[in-house]
Every structure is written in structure tokens, then in C-alpha cells.
């Protein structure tokens, strides 16, 4: 995507949304927050009392894995 104007990204995203962005459809179809308790329990997330860098949001990482499985050839690690 070559910048044509100051708002080219916004225009691009608006065009994607109008054409039926598959990520928006996925977000509207699957209620990802329902998986949070299962993910937190399964991943063994602590309360952060030991310090260190905060962990990535488990729901966000789950979304990444779902999108990666749907677009296997288009994404990489």
C-alpha cells in the first residue's frame, strides 16, 4: 500500500470494512472473551507478584493462532 494521502490507511481500512473484512466477520461471529478463563487456567498465568514483564493477553494470542490457522500460507511466526 503506497501512501496517497495523509488518511490513506483510514481509507484502506474503511474500504476493507465495506467489502466485508474477514477479520471483522470473525470477531462478530466468535465471542473470544468466553475462552479467557480456560486460557488463563490452562496457561498457568500468575498474578504478577514476582514481577517481570507482563504476559501477553491470552485472548489476543488465541486470536493470533486462530487467524494463523485460517491464513496458513499468508502468515509467518
PDB file of N, CA and C in Angstrom:
ATOM      1  N   UNK A   1       0.844  -1.165   0.000  1.00  0.00           N
ATOM      2  CA  UNK A   1       0.000   0.000   0.000  1.00  0.00           C
ATOM      3  C   UNK A   1       0.892   1.231   0.000  1.00  0.00           C
ATOM      4  N   UNK A   2       0.799   2.031  -1.021  1.00  0.00           N
ATOM      5  CA  UNK A   2       1.571   3.254  -1.125  1.00  0.00           C
ATOM      6  C   UNK A   2       0.750   4.412  -0.587  1.00  0.00           C
ATOM      7  N   UNK A   3       1.356   5.240   0.267  1.00  0.00           N
ATOM      8  CA  UNK A   3       0.583   6.352   0.818  1.00  0.00           C
ATOM      9  C   UNK A   3       0.211   7.360  -0.261  1.00  0.00           C
ATOM     10  N   UNK A   4      -1.067   7.566  -0.452  1.00  0.00           N
ATOM     11  CA  UNK A   4      -1.550   8.533  -1.430  1.00  0.00           C
ATOM     12  C   UNK A   4      -1.980   9.822  -0.749  1.00  0.00           C
ATOM     13  N   UNK A   5      -2.334   9.703   0.496  1.00  0.00           N
ATOM     14  CA  UNK A   5      -2.752  10.874   1.251  1.00  0.00           C
ATOM     15  C   UNK A   5      -2.465  10.628   2.721  1.00  0.00           C
ATOM     16  N   UNK A   6      -2.692  11.652   3.496  1.00  0.00           N
ATOM     17  CA  UNK A   6      -2.464  11.547   4.936  1.00  0.00           C
ATOM     18  C   UNK A   6      -3.378  10.508   5.571  1.00  0.00           C
ATOM     19  N   UNK A   7      -4.549  10.294   4.984  1.00  0.00           N
ATOM     20  CA  UNK A   7      -5.537   9.384   5.550  1.00  0.00           C
ATOM     21  C   UNK A   7      -5.657   8.091   4.758  1.00  0.00           C
ATOM     22  N   UNK A   8      -4.616   7.705   4.038  1.00  0.00           N
ATOM     23  CA  UNK A   8      -4.714   6.528   3.178  1.00  0.00           C
ATOM     24  C   UNK A   8      -4.969   5.248   3.968  1.00  0.00           C
ATOM     25  N   UNK A   9      -4.387   5.107   5.154  1.00  0.00           N
ATOM     26  CA  UNK A   9      -4.636   3.907   5.954  1.00  0.00           C
ATOM     27  C   UNK A   9      -6.098   3.852   6.382  1.00  0.00           C
ATOM     28  N   UNK A  10      -6.617   4.973   6.841  1.00  0.00           N
ATOM     29  CA  UNK A  10      -8.020   5.015   7.254  1.00  0.00           C
ATOM     30  C   UNK A  10      -8.943   4.703   6.077  1.00  0.00           C
ATOM     31  N   UNK A  11      -8.610   5.238   4.911  1.00  0.00           N
ATOM     32  CA  UNK A  11      -9.410   4.963   3.718  1.00  0.00           C
ATOM     33  C   UNK A  11      -9.336   3.487   3.336  1.00  0.00           C
ATOM     34  N   UNK A  12      -8.138   2.911   3.450  1.00  0.00           N
ATOM     35  CA  UNK A  12      -7.963   1.491   3.132  1.00  0.00           C
ATOM     36  C   UNK A  12      -8.780   0.618   4.081  1.00  0.00           C
ATOM     37  N   UNK A  13      -8.726   0.917   5.367  1.00  0.00           N
ATOM     38  CA  UNK A  13      -9.480   0.137   6.349  1.00  0.00           C
ATOM     39  C   UNK A  13     -10.983   0.300   6.149  1.00  0.00           C
ATOM     40  N   UNK A  14     -11.407   1.494   5.792  1.00  0.00           N
ATOM     41  CA  UNK A  14     -12.826   1.726   5.528  1.00  0.00           C
ATOM     42  C   UNK A  14     -13.286   0.928   4.312  1.00  0.00           C
ATOM     43  N   UNK A  15     -12.456   0.872   3.280  1.00  0.00           N
ATOM     44  CA  UNK A  15     -12.781   0.099   2.084  1.00  0.00           C
ATOM     45  C   UNK A  15     -12.850  -1.394   2.405  1.00  0.00           C
ATOM     46  N   UNK A  16     -11.897  -1.875   3.229  1.00  0.00           N
ATOM     47  CA  UNK A  16     -11.921  -3.285   3.648  1.00  0.00           C
ATOM     48  C   UNK A  16     -13.206  -3.600   4.403  1.00  0.00           C
ATOM     49  N   UNK A  17     -13.560  -2.714   5.314  1.00  0.00           N
ATOM     50  CA  UNK A  17     -14.753  -2.932   6.123  1.00  0.00           C
ATOM     51  C   UNK A  17     -16.003  -2.966   5.253  1.00  0.00           C
ATOM     52  N   UNK A  18     -16.067  -2.080   4.262  1.00  0.00           N
ATOM     53  CA  UNK A  18     -17.231  -2.026   3.374  1.00  0.00           C
ATOM     54  C   UNK A  18     -17.339  -3.284   2.521  1.00  0.00           C
ATOM     55  N   UNK A  19     -16.192  -3.857   2.144  1.00  0.00           N
ATOM     56  CA  UNK A  19     -16.176  -5.051   1.295  1.00  0.00           C
ATOM     57  C   UNK A  19     -16.345  -6.346   2.077  1.00  0.00           C
ATOM     58  N   UNK A  20     -16.460  -6.261   3.414  1.00  0.00           N
ATOM     59  CA  UNK A  20     -16.636  -7.462   4.232  1.00  0.00           C
ATOM     60  C   UNK A  20     -15.321  -8.029   4.711  1.00  0.00           C
ATOM     61  N   UNK A  21     -14.624  -7.276   5.546  1.00  0.00           N
ATOM     62  CA  UNK A  21     -13.333  -7.692   6.092  1.00  0.00           C
ATOM     63  C   UNK A  21     -13.480  -9.008   6.846  1.00  0.00           C
ATOM     64  N   UNK A  22     -12.728 -10.059   6.471  1.00  0.00           N
ATOM     65  CA  UNK A  22     -12.882 -11.355   7.137  1.00  0.00           C
ATOM     66  C   UNK A  22     -12.548 -11.319   8.626  1.00  0.00           C
ATOM     67  N   UNK A  23     -11.659 -10.428   9.036  1.00  0.00           N
ATOM     68  CA  UNK A  23     -11.341 -10.341  10.462  1.00  0.00           C
ATOM     69  C   UNK A  23     -12.504  -9.749  11.248  1.00  0.00           C
ATOM     70  N   UNK A  24     -13.201  -8.796  10.662  1.00  0.00           N
ATOM     71  CA  UNK A  24     -14.381  -8.245  11.328  1.00  0.00           C
ATOM     72  C   UNK A  24     -15.495  -9.288  11.412  1.00  0.00           C
ATOM     73  N   UNK A  25     -15.635 -10.074  10.365  1.00  0.00           N
ATOM     74  CA  UNK A  25     -16.645 -11.138  10.370  1.00  0.00           C
ATOM     75  C   UNK A  25     -16.317 -12.155  11.465  1.00  0.00           C
ATOM     76  N   UNK A  26     -15.049 -12.526  11.577  1.00  0.00           N
ATOM     77  CA  UNK A  26     -14.628 -13.474  12.612  1.00  0.00           C
ATOM     78  C   UNK A  26     -14.886 -12.915  14.004  1.00  0.00           C
ATOM     79  N   UNK A  27     -14.542 -11.647  14.209  1.00  0.00           N
ATOM     80  CA  UNK A  27     -14.757 -11.021  15.518  1.00  0.00           C
ATOM     81  C   UNK A  27     -16.246 -10.930  15.847  1.00  0.00           C
ATOM     82  N   UNK A  28     -17.087 -10.758  14.841  1.00  0.00           N
ATOM     83  CA  UNK A  28     -18.524 -10.697  15.079  1.00  0.00           C
ATOM     84  C   UNK A  28     -19.163 -12.058  15.256  1.00  0.00           C
ATOM     85  N   UNK A  29     -18.471 -13.105  14.819  1.00  0.00           N
ATOM     86  CA  UNK A  29     -19.018 -14.457  14.879  1.00  0.00           C
ATOM     87  C   UNK A  29     -18.622 -15.187  16.158  1.00  0.00           C
ATOM     88  N   UNK A  30     -17.369 -15.049  16.550  1.00  0.00           N
ATOM     89  CA  UNK A  30     -16.834 -15.780  17.699  1.00  0.00           C
ATOM     90  C   UNK A  30     -16.691 -14.829  18.883  1.00  0.00           C
ATOM     91  N   UNK A  31     -17.217 -15.226  20.022  1.00  0.00           N
ATOM     92  CA  UNK A  31     -17.082 -14.438  21.243  1.00  0.00           C
ATOM     93  C   UNK A  31     -15.828 -14.930  21.981  1.00  0.00           C
ATOM     94  N   UNK A  32     -14.698 -14.323  21.637  1.00  0.00           N
ATOM     95  CA  UNK A  32     -13.404 -14.788  22.128  1.00  0.00           C
ATOM     96  C   UNK A  32     -13.245 -14.656  23.642  1.00  0.00           C
ATOM     97  N   UNK A  33     -13.908 -13.691  24.244  1.00  0.00           N
ATOM     98  CA  UNK A  33     -13.768 -13.488  25.691  1.00  0.00           C
ATOM     99  C   UNK A  33     -14.280 -14.682  26.495  1.00  0.00           C
ATOM    100  N   UNK A  34     -15.122 -15.501  25.910  1.00  0.00           N
ATOM    101  CA  UNK A  34     -15.620 -16.690  26.610  1.00  0.00           C
ATOM    102  C   UNK A  34     -14.494 -17.685  26.888  1.00  0.00           C
ATOM    103  N   UNK A  35     -13.405 -17.596  26.122  1.00  0.00           N
ATOM    104  CA  UNK A  35     -12.285 -18.515  26.287  1.00  0.00           C
ATOM    105  C   UNK A  35     -11.287 -18.054  27.340  1.00  0.00           C
ATOM    106  N   UNK A  36     -11.420 -16.811  27.830  1.00  0.00           N
ATOM    107  CA  UNK A  36     -10.431 -16.256  28.755  1.00  0.00           C
ATOM    108  C   UNK A  36     -10.212 -17.127  30.000  1.00  0.00           C
ATOM    109  N   UNK A  37     -11.249 -17.536  30.733  1.00  0.00           N
ATOM    110  CA  UNK A  37     -10.993 -18.350  31.934  1.00  0.00           C
ATOM    111  C   UNK A  37     -10.252 -19.653  31.619  1.00  0.00           C
ATOM    112  N   UNK A  38     -10.628 -20.296  30.551  1.00  0.00           N
ATOM    113  CA  UNK A  38      -9.976 -21.540  30.152  1.00  0.00           C
ATOM    114  C   UNK A  38      -8.511 -21.295  29.774  1.00  0.00           C
ATOM    115  N   UNK A  39      -8.255 -20.229  29.037  1.00  0.00           N
ATOM    116  CA  UNK A  39      -6.886 -19.914  28.632  1.00  0.00           C
ATOM    117  C   UNK A  39      -6.012 -19.542  29.823  1.00  0.00           C
ATOM    118  N   UNK A  40      -6.536 -18.722  30.721  1.00  0.00           N
ATOM    119  CA  UNK A  40      -5.756 -18.308  31.894  1.00  0.00           C
ATOM    120  C   UNK A  40      -5.432 -19.524  32.762  1.00  0.00           C
ATOM    121  N   UNK A  41      -6.409 -20.389  32.956  1.00  0.00           N
ATOM    122  CA  UNK A  41      -6.185 -21.591  33.766  1.00  0.00           C
ATOM    123  C   UNK A  41      -5.217 -22.543  33.071  1.00  0.00           C
ATOM    124  N   UNK A  42      -5.399 -22.753  31.774  1.00  0.00           N
ATOM    125  CA  UNK A  42      -4.557 -23.683  31.036  1.00  0.00           C
ATOM    126  C   UNK A  42      -3.120 -23.212  30.881  1.00  0.00           C
ATOM    127  N   UNK A  43      -2.935 -21.898  30.754  1.00  0.00           N
ATOM    128  CA  UNK A  43      -1.582 -21.358  30.578  1.00  0.00           C
ATOM    129  C   UNK A  43      -0.880 -21.100  31.904  1.00  0.00           C
ATOM    130  N   UNK A  44      -1.599 -21.191  33.001  1.00  0.00           N
ATOM    131  CA  UNK A  44      -0.990 -21.007  34.311  1.00  0.00           C
ATOM    132  C   UNK A  44      -0.551 -19.580  34.569  1.00  0.00           C
ATOM    133  N   UNK A  45      -1.331 -18.611  34.133  1.00  0.00           N
ATOM    134  CA  UNK A  45      -0.992 -17.208  34.361  1.00  0.00           C
ATOM    135  C   UNK A  45      -1.032 -16.918  35.847  1.00  0.00           C
ATOM    136  N   UNK A  46      -0.011 -16.216  36.324  1.00  0.00           N
ATOM    137  CA  UNK A  46       0.041 -15.834  37.721  1.00  0.00           C
ATOM    138  C   UNK A  46      -0.557 -14.460  37.934  1.00  0.00           C
ATOM    139  N   UNK A  47      -0.421 -13.959  39.151  1.00  0.00           N
ATOM    140  CA  UNK A  47      -0.970 -12.638  39.467  1.00  0.00           C
ATOM    141  C   UNK A  47       0.052 -11.524  39.244  1.00  0.00           C
ATOM    142  N   UNK A  48       1.263 -11.867  38.824  1.00  0.00           N
ATOM    143  CA  UNK A  48       2.294 -10.870  38.569  1.00  0.00           C
ATOM    144  C   UNK A  48       3.053 -10.438  39.799  1.00  0.00           C
ATOM    145  N   UNK A  49       2.877 -11.162  40.912  1.00  0.00           N
ATOM    146  CA  UNK A  49       3.527 -10.779  42.163  1.00  0.00           C
ATOM    147  C   UNK A  49       5.048 -10.914  42.094  1.00  0.00           C
ATOM    148  N   UNK A  50       5.564 -11.804  41.252  1.00  0.00           N
ATOM    149  CA  UNK A  50       7.013 -11.994  41.149  1.00  0.00           C
ATOM    150  C   UNK A  50       7.676 -10.900  40.337  1.00  0.00           C
ATOM    151  N   UNK A  51       6.900 -10.081  39.666  1.00  0.00           N
ATOM    152  CA  UNK A  51       7.466  -9.017  38.843  1.00  0.00           C
ATOM    153  C   UNK A  51       7.779  -9.520  37.453  1.00  0.00           C
ATOM    154  N   UNK A  52       8.611  -8.796  36.764  1.00  0.00           N
ATOM    155  CA  UNK A  52       8.959  -9.155  35.402  1.00  0.00           C
ATOM    156  C   UNK A  52       8.011  -8.539  34.394  1.00  0.00           C
ATOM    157  N   UNK A  53       8.261  -8.862  33.144  1.00  0.00           N
ATOM    158  CA  UNK A  53       7.446  -8.311  32.070  1.00  0.00           C
ATOM    159  C   UNK A  53       6.058  -8.930  32.104  1.00  0.00           C
ATOM    160  N   UNK A  54       5.021  -8.104  31.961  1.00  0.00           N
ATOM    161  CA  UNK A  54       3.663  -8.661  31.946  1.00  0.00           C
ATOM    162  C   UNK A  54       3.477  -9.612  30.764  1.00  0.00           C
ATOM    163  N   UNK A  55       2.720 -10.631  30.983  1.00  0.00           N
ATOM    164  CA  UNK A  55       2.454 -11.612  29.926  1.00  0.00           C
ATOM    165  C   UNK A  55       1.552 -11.010  28.863  1.00  0.00           C
ATOM    166  N   UNK A  56       1.639 -11.564  27.659  1.00  0.00           N
ATOM    167  CA  UNK A  56       0.730 -11.143  26.599  1.00  0.00           C
ATOM    168  C   UNK A  56      -0.683 -11.557  26.975  1.00  0.00           C
ATOM    169  N   UNK A  57      -1.647 -10.810  26.484  1.00  0.00           N
ATOM    170  CA  UNK A  57      -3.042 -11.127  26.739  1.00  0.00           C
ATOM    171  C   UNK A  57      -3.367 -12.487  26.124  1.00  0.00           C
ATOM    172  N   UNK A  58      -3.869 -13.439  26.916  1.00  0.00           N
ATOM    173  CA  UNK A  58      -4.115 -14.783  26.381  1.00  0.00           C
ATOM    174  C   UNK A  58      -5.158 -14.810  25.269  1.00  0.00           C
ATOM    175  N   UNK A  59      -6.172 -13.948  25.343  1.00  0.00           N
ATOM    176  CA  UNK A  59      -7.200 -13.926  24.307  1.00  0.00           C
ATOM    177  C   UNK A  59      -6.613 -13.391  23.001  1.00  0.00           C
ATOM    178  N   UNK A  60      -5.758 -12.379  23.087  1.00  0.00           N
ATOM    179  CA  UNK A  60      -5.118 -11.835  21.887  1.00  0.00           C
ATOM    180  C   UNK A  60      -4.235 -12.891  21.227  1.00  0.00           C
ATOM    181  N   UNK A  61      -3.496 -13.643  22.027  1.00  0.00           N
ATOM    182  CA  UNK A  61      -2.637 -14.682  21.466  1.00  0.00           C
ATOM    183  C   UNK A  61      -3.473 -15.812  20.851  1.00  0.00           C
ATOM    184  N   UNK A  62      -4.607 -16.117  21.461  1.00  0.00           N
ATOM    185  CA  UNK A  62      -5.512 -17.125  20.907  1.00  0.00           C
ATOM    186  C   UNK A  62      -6.058 -16.664  19.559  1.00  0.00           C
ATOM    187  N   UNK A  63      -6.414 -15.382  19.462  1.00  0.00           N
ATOM    188  CA  UNK A  63      -6.884 -14.827  18.193  1.00  0.00           C
ATOM    189  C   UNK A  63      -5.804 -14.946  17.121  1.00  0.00           C
ATOM    190  N   UNK A  64      -4.560 -14.685  17.493  1.00  0.00           N
ATOM    191  CA  UNK A  64      -3.452 -14.799  16.546  1.00  0.00           C
ATOM    192  C   UNK A  64      -3.361 -16.225  16.010  1.00  0.00           C
ATOM    193  N   UNK A  65      -3.486 -17.200  16.891  1.00  0.00           N
ATOM    194  CA  UNK A  65      -3.411 -18.596  16.464  1.00  0.00           C
ATOM    195  C   UNK A  65      -4.575 -18.982  15.553  1.00  0.00           C
ATOM    196  N   UNK A  66      -5.757 -18.474  15.849  1.00  0.00           N
ATOM    197  CA  UNK A  66      -6.923 -18.765  15.010  1.00  0.00           C
ATOM    198  C   UNK A  66      -6.734 -18.158  13.625  1.00  0.00           C
ATOM    199  N   UNK A  67      -6.310 -16.901  13.573  1.00  0.00           N
ATOM    200  CA  UNK A  67      -6.094 -16.243  12.284  1.00  0.00           C
ATOM    201  C   UNK A  67      -4.982 -16.938  11.509  1.00  0.00           C
ATOM    202  N   UNK A  68      -3.926 -17.337  12.210  1.00  0.00           N
ATOM    203  CA  UNK A  68      -2.827 -18.029  11.548  1.00  0.00           C
ATOM    204  C   UNK A  68      -3.299 -19.346  10.942  1.00  0.00           C
ATOM    205  N   UNK A  69      -4.165 -20.056  11.639  1.00  0.00           N
ATOM    206  CA  UNK A  69      -4.651 -21.328  11.093  1.00  0.00           C
ATOM    207  C   UNK A  69      -5.557 -21.106   9.885  1.00  0.00           C
ATOM    208  N   UNK A  70      -6.273 -19.982   9.851  1.00  0.00           N
ATOM    209  CA  UNK A  70      -7.145 -19.688   8.723  1.00  0.00           C
ATOM    210  C   UNK A  70      -6.387 -19.212   7.497  1.00  0.00           C
ATOM    211  N   UNK A  71      -5.292 -18.510   7.728  1.00  0.00           N
ATOM    212  CA  UNK A  71      -4.497 -17.947   6.643  1.00  0.00           C
ATOM    213  C   UNK A  71      -3.094 -18.525   6.692  1.00  0.00           C
ATOM    214  N   UNK A  72      -3.000 -19.838   6.704  1.00  0.00           N
ATOM    215  CA  UNK A  72      -1.742 -20.548   6.910  1.00  0.00           C
ATOM    216  C   UNK A  72      -0.629 -20.082   5.982  1.00  0.00           C
ATOM    217  N   UNK A  73      -0.913 -19.880   4.718  1.00  0.00           N
ATOM    218  CA  UNK A  73       0.137 -19.543   3.763  1.00  0.00           C
ATOM    219  C   UNK A  73       0.486 -18.065   3.781  1.00  0.00           C
ATOM    220  N   UNK A  74      -0.363 -17.234   4.373  1.00  0.00           N
ATOM    221  CA  UNK A  74      -0.126 -15.803   4.331  1.00  0.00           C
ATOM    222  C   UNK A  74       0.564 -15.219   5.550  1.00  0.00           C
ATOM    223  N   UNK A  75       0.693 -15.993   6.624  1.00  0.00           N
ATOM    224  CA  UNK A  75       1.306 -15.500   7.845  1.00  0.00           C
ATOM    225  C   UNK A  75       2.489 -16.350   8.240  1.00  0.00           C
ATOM    226  N   UNK A  76       3.384 -15.742   8.977  1.00  0.00           N
ATOM    227  CA  UNK A  76       4.535 -16.498   9.491  1.00  0.00           C
ATOM    228  C   UNK A  76       4.710 -16.173  10.962  1.00  0.00           C
ATOM    229  N   UNK A  77       5.589 -16.908  11.616  1.00  0.00           N
ATOM    230  CA  UNK A  77       5.860 -16.665  13.033  1.00  0.00           C
ATOM    231  C   UNK A  77       6.611 -15.414  13.166  1.00  0.00           C
TER     232      UNK A  77
END
